Amino acid sequence: MNTDRKNCPECGTQSLFQSTTNAGGGYGPVLLPGLGKMAFWGKVQTVMPQFRVVVCAACGLTRFYAEAAACARLPEADNWQRI
């Protein structure tokens, strides 16, 4: 998403809000499989990538944007194919 743009692409209002959230795991699906990073704290652990979530308060349009580090892993990831 263009960070200079503050209007909703659906309804045109300036009612956009953003937050970040994990891209899955726990009790939900893993939405960016194979794009996490490995952390070593005595054992191997996968750290889930993050999404930036943008929601329009006026119309409810919601968009998810994967963090740059996860996007950079796409070309080499086994779980993703270029279309």
N, C-alpha and C. Protein backbone atom coordinates (compact mmCIF):
# COMPACT_ATOMS: atom_id res chain seq x y z
N MET A 1 0.85 -1.18 0.00
CA MET A 1 0.00 0.00 0.00
C MET A 1 0.89 1.23 0.00
N ASN A 2 0.54 2.19 -0.79
CA ASN A 2 1.26 3.46 -0.83
C ASN A 2 1.02 4.19 0.48
N THR A 3 2.10 4.40 1.26
CA THR A 3 1.94 5.01 2.58
C THR A 3 1.63 6.50 2.50
N ASP A 4 1.79 7.12 1.33
CA ASP A 4 1.44 8.53 1.16
C ASP A 4 -0.07 8.70 1.00
N ARG A 5 -0.74 7.65 0.62
CA ARG A 5 -2.17 7.71 0.35
C ARG A 5 -2.95 7.50 1.65
N LYS A 6 -3.80 8.42 1.99
CA LYS A 6 -4.57 8.34 3.23
C LYS A 6 -6.05 8.14 2.99
N ASN A 7 -6.47 8.01 1.73
CA ASN A 7 -7.88 7.81 1.41
C ASN A 7 -8.13 6.33 1.13
N CYS A 8 -9.30 5.85 1.53
CA CYS A 8 -9.69 4.48 1.25
C CYS A 8 -9.88 4.30 -0.26
N PRO A 9 -9.29 3.25 -0.86
CA PRO A 9 -9.48 3.03 -2.29
C PRO A 9 -10.90 2.58 -2.65
N GLU A 10 -11.68 2.14 -1.67
CA GLU A 10 -13.04 1.67 -1.91
C GLU A 10 -14.06 2.81 -1.84
N CYS A 11 -14.05 3.58 -0.74
CA CYS A 11 -15.09 4.60 -0.54
C CYS A 11 -14.56 6.03 -0.57
N GLY A 12 -13.23 6.20 -0.58
CA GLY A 12 -12.63 7.53 -0.71
C GLY A 12 -12.51 8.33 0.57
N THR A 13 -13.02 7.81 1.70
CA THR A 13 -12.93 8.56 2.95
C THR A 13 -11.52 8.52 3.51
N GLN A 14 -11.26 9.37 4.47
CA GLN A 14 -9.96 9.38 5.17
C GLN A 14 -10.13 8.73 6.54
N SER A 15 -10.65 7.52 6.55
CA SER A 15 -10.95 6.81 7.79
C SER A 15 -10.12 5.54 7.94
N LEU A 16 -8.86 5.58 7.52
CA LEU A 16 -8.03 4.38 7.58
C LEU A 16 -7.30 4.27 8.92
N PHE A 17 -7.26 3.05 9.44
CA PHE A 17 -6.55 2.75 10.67
C PHE A 17 -5.67 1.54 10.42
N GLN A 18 -4.52 1.45 11.12
CA GLN A 18 -3.62 0.32 10.91
C GLN A 18 -3.15 -0.27 12.23
N SER A 19 -2.75 -1.53 12.16
CA SER A 19 -2.19 -2.25 13.29
C SER A 19 -1.31 -3.36 12.72
N THR A 20 -0.63 -4.10 13.58
CA THR A 20 0.15 -5.26 13.14
C THR A 20 -0.34 -6.49 13.88
N THR A 21 -0.19 -7.65 13.24
CA THR A 21 -0.59 -8.92 13.84
C THR A 21 0.28 -10.03 13.28
N ASN A 22 0.40 -11.12 14.02
CA ASN A 22 1.13 -12.28 13.52
C ASN A 22 0.37 -12.91 12.36
N ALA A 23 1.11 -13.56 11.47
CA ALA A 23 0.52 -14.17 10.29
C ALA A 23 0.06 -15.59 10.54
N GLY A 24 -0.30 -15.93 11.76
CA GLY A 24 -0.88 -17.23 12.02
C GLY A 24 -0.14 -18.02 13.07
N GLY A 25 -0.53 -19.28 13.14
CA GLY A 25 0.03 -20.16 14.16
C GLY A 25 -0.92 -20.27 15.32
N GLY A 26 -0.49 -20.91 16.37
CA GLY A 26 -1.36 -21.11 17.52
C GLY A 26 -2.55 -21.96 17.12
N TYR A 27 -3.75 -21.44 17.27
CA TYR A 27 -4.97 -22.18 16.93
C TYR A 27 -5.50 -21.86 15.54
N GLY A 28 -4.90 -20.90 14.85
CA GLY A 28 -5.35 -20.53 13.52
C GLY A 28 -4.41 -21.03 12.45
N PRO A 29 -4.76 -20.82 11.18
CA PRO A 29 -3.90 -21.26 10.09
C PRO A 29 -2.66 -20.39 9.97
N VAL A 30 -1.60 -20.95 9.42
CA VAL A 30 -0.39 -20.20 9.12
C VAL A 30 -0.61 -19.56 7.75
N LEU A 31 -0.74 -18.25 7.70
CA LEU A 31 -1.10 -17.55 6.47
C LEU A 31 0.09 -17.23 5.58
N LEU A 32 1.29 -17.25 6.12
CA LEU A 32 2.50 -17.05 5.32
C LEU A 32 3.47 -18.21 5.58
N PRO A 33 3.10 -19.44 5.16
CA PRO A 33 3.93 -20.60 5.47
C PRO A 33 5.31 -20.51 4.83
N GLY A 34 6.30 -20.89 5.61
CA GLY A 34 7.68 -20.92 5.11
C GLY A 34 8.35 -19.57 5.05
N LEU A 35 7.70 -18.50 5.49
CA LEU A 35 8.30 -17.17 5.40
C LEU A 35 8.71 -16.62 6.76
N GLY A 36 8.59 -17.44 7.80
CA GLY A 36 9.04 -17.02 9.13
C GLY A 36 10.55 -17.07 9.21
N LYS A 37 11.07 -16.65 10.34
CA LYS A 37 12.52 -16.71 10.54
C LYS A 37 12.81 -17.62 11.72
N MET A 38 14.00 -18.15 11.74
CA MET A 38 14.40 -19.05 12.80
C MET A 38 15.10 -18.26 13.89
N ALA A 39 14.79 -18.59 15.13
CA ALA A 39 15.44 -17.96 16.28
C ALA A 39 16.03 -19.07 17.14
N PHE A 40 17.16 -18.83 17.72
CA PHE A 40 17.84 -19.83 18.53
C PHE A 40 17.99 -19.32 19.96
N TRP A 41 17.19 -19.85 20.84
CA TRP A 41 17.28 -19.56 22.27
C TRP A 41 17.39 -20.89 23.01
N GLY A 42 18.47 -21.60 22.74
CA GLY A 42 18.64 -22.92 23.31
C GLY A 42 17.97 -24.00 22.49
N LYS A 43 17.02 -23.63 21.64
CA LYS A 43 16.36 -24.57 20.74
C LYS A 43 15.90 -23.79 19.50
N VAL A 44 15.62 -24.52 18.45
CA VAL A 44 15.16 -23.90 17.21
C VAL A 44 13.70 -23.51 17.37
N GLN A 45 13.38 -22.30 17.00
CA GLN A 45 12.01 -21.80 17.11
C GLN A 45 11.71 -20.96 15.88
N THR A 46 10.54 -21.14 15.29
CA THR A 46 10.13 -20.33 14.16
C THR A 46 9.36 -19.12 14.66
N VAL A 47 9.75 -17.94 14.19
CA VAL A 47 9.06 -16.71 14.54
C VAL A 47 8.15 -16.36 13.37
N MET A 48 6.86 -16.27 13.62
CA MET A 48 5.89 -15.97 12.57
C MET A 48 6.11 -14.56 12.01
N PRO A 49 5.99 -14.41 10.70
CA PRO A 49 6.07 -13.07 10.11
C PRO A 49 4.85 -12.24 10.54
N GLN A 50 4.95 -10.96 10.33
CA GLN A 50 3.90 -10.04 10.72
C GLN A 50 3.15 -9.52 9.50
N PHE A 51 1.89 -9.18 9.71
CA PHE A 51 1.08 -8.44 8.75
C PHE A 51 0.86 -7.04 9.27
N ARG A 52 0.86 -6.07 8.37
CA ARG A 52 0.31 -4.75 8.69
C ARG A 52 -1.12 -4.79 8.17
N VAL A 53 -2.08 -4.53 9.03
CA VAL A 53 -3.49 -4.60 8.67
C VAL A 53 -4.03 -3.18 8.60
N VAL A 54 -4.68 -2.85 7.49
CA VAL A 54 -5.28 -1.52 7.30
C VAL A 54 -6.78 -1.72 7.13
N VAL A 55 -7.57 -1.00 7.95
CA VAL A 55 -9.02 -1.11 7.92
C VAL A 55 -9.64 0.27 7.74
N CYS A 56 -10.64 0.36 6.88
CA CYS A 56 -11.40 1.59 6.72
C CYS A 56 -12.57 1.56 7.69
N ALA A 57 -12.64 2.55 8.58
CA ALA A 57 -13.73 2.61 9.55
C ALA A 57 -15.07 2.93 8.90
N ALA A 58 -15.07 3.52 7.72
CA ALA A 58 -16.32 3.91 7.05
C ALA A 58 -16.97 2.74 6.31
N CYS A 59 -16.19 1.97 5.55
CA CYS A 59 -16.80 0.91 4.73
C CYS A 59 -16.36 -0.49 5.12
N GLY A 60 -15.33 -0.62 5.95
CA GLY A 60 -14.89 -1.93 6.41
C GLY A 60 -13.86 -2.62 5.53
N LEU A 61 -13.46 -1.99 4.42
CA LEU A 61 -12.43 -2.60 3.58
C LEU A 61 -11.22 -2.91 4.45
N THR A 62 -10.71 -4.13 4.35
CA THR A 62 -9.56 -4.56 5.14
C THR A 62 -8.51 -5.13 4.20
N ARG A 63 -7.27 -4.70 4.39
CA ARG A 63 -6.16 -5.20 3.57
C ARG A 63 -5.04 -5.64 4.49
N PHE A 64 -4.39 -6.75 4.11
CA PHE A 64 -3.26 -7.28 4.85
C PHE A 64 -2.00 -7.12 3.99
N TYR A 65 -0.93 -6.61 4.58
CA TYR A 65 0.33 -6.43 3.89
C TYR A 65 1.41 -7.18 4.65
N ALA A 66 2.07 -8.13 3.99
CA ALA A 66 3.15 -8.89 4.62
C ALA A 66 4.35 -7.98 4.84
N GLU A 67 5.07 -8.22 5.94
CA GLU A 67 6.25 -7.42 6.24
C GLU A 67 7.32 -7.65 5.16
N ALA A 68 8.19 -6.67 5.00
CA ALA A 68 9.21 -6.69 3.95
C ALA A 68 10.12 -7.91 4.05
N ALA A 69 10.49 -8.32 5.26
CA ALA A 69 11.37 -9.49 5.43
C ALA A 69 10.72 -10.76 4.90
N ALA A 70 9.42 -10.92 5.12
CA ALA A 70 8.71 -12.09 4.61
C ALA A 70 8.63 -12.05 3.09
N CYS A 71 8.37 -10.88 2.54
CA CYS A 71 8.31 -10.74 1.07
C CYS A 71 9.65 -11.07 0.43
N ALA A 72 10.73 -10.70 1.09
CA ALA A 72 12.07 -10.97 0.56
C ALA A 72 12.37 -12.47 0.50
N ARG A 73 11.71 -13.28 1.34
CA ARG A 73 11.93 -14.73 1.36
C ARG A 73 11.11 -15.47 0.30
N LEU A 74 10.16 -14.82 -0.33
CA LEU A 74 9.27 -15.50 -1.28
C LEU A 74 9.99 -16.22 -2.42
N PRO A 75 10.97 -15.61 -3.10
CA PRO A 75 11.57 -16.30 -4.26
C PRO A 75 12.22 -17.64 -3.92
N GLU A 76 12.71 -17.83 -2.69
CA GLU A 76 13.38 -19.07 -2.31
C GLU A 76 12.50 -20.01 -1.51
N ALA A 77 11.30 -19.60 -1.13
CA ALA A 77 10.44 -20.40 -0.27
C ALA A 77 9.83 -21.58 -1.02
N ASP A 78 9.85 -22.77 -0.41
CA ASP A 78 9.29 -23.97 -1.03
C ASP A 78 7.77 -23.93 -1.12
N ASN A 79 7.11 -23.19 -0.22
CA ASN A 79 5.65 -23.19 -0.15
C ASN A 79 4.99 -22.23 -1.14
N TRP A 80 5.78 -21.47 -1.88
CA TRP A 80 5.21 -20.42 -2.74
C TRP A 80 5.71 -20.59 -4.16
N GLN A 81 4.79 -20.43 -5.12
CA GLN A 81 5.14 -20.51 -6.55
C GLN A 81 4.76 -19.18 -7.21
N ARG A 82 5.63 -18.70 -8.06
CA ARG A 82 5.32 -17.48 -8.83
C ARG A 82 4.20 -17.77 -9.80
N ILE A 83 3.26 -16.82 -9.93
CA ILE A 83 2.14 -17.00 -10.87
C ILE A 83 2.21 -15.94 -11.96
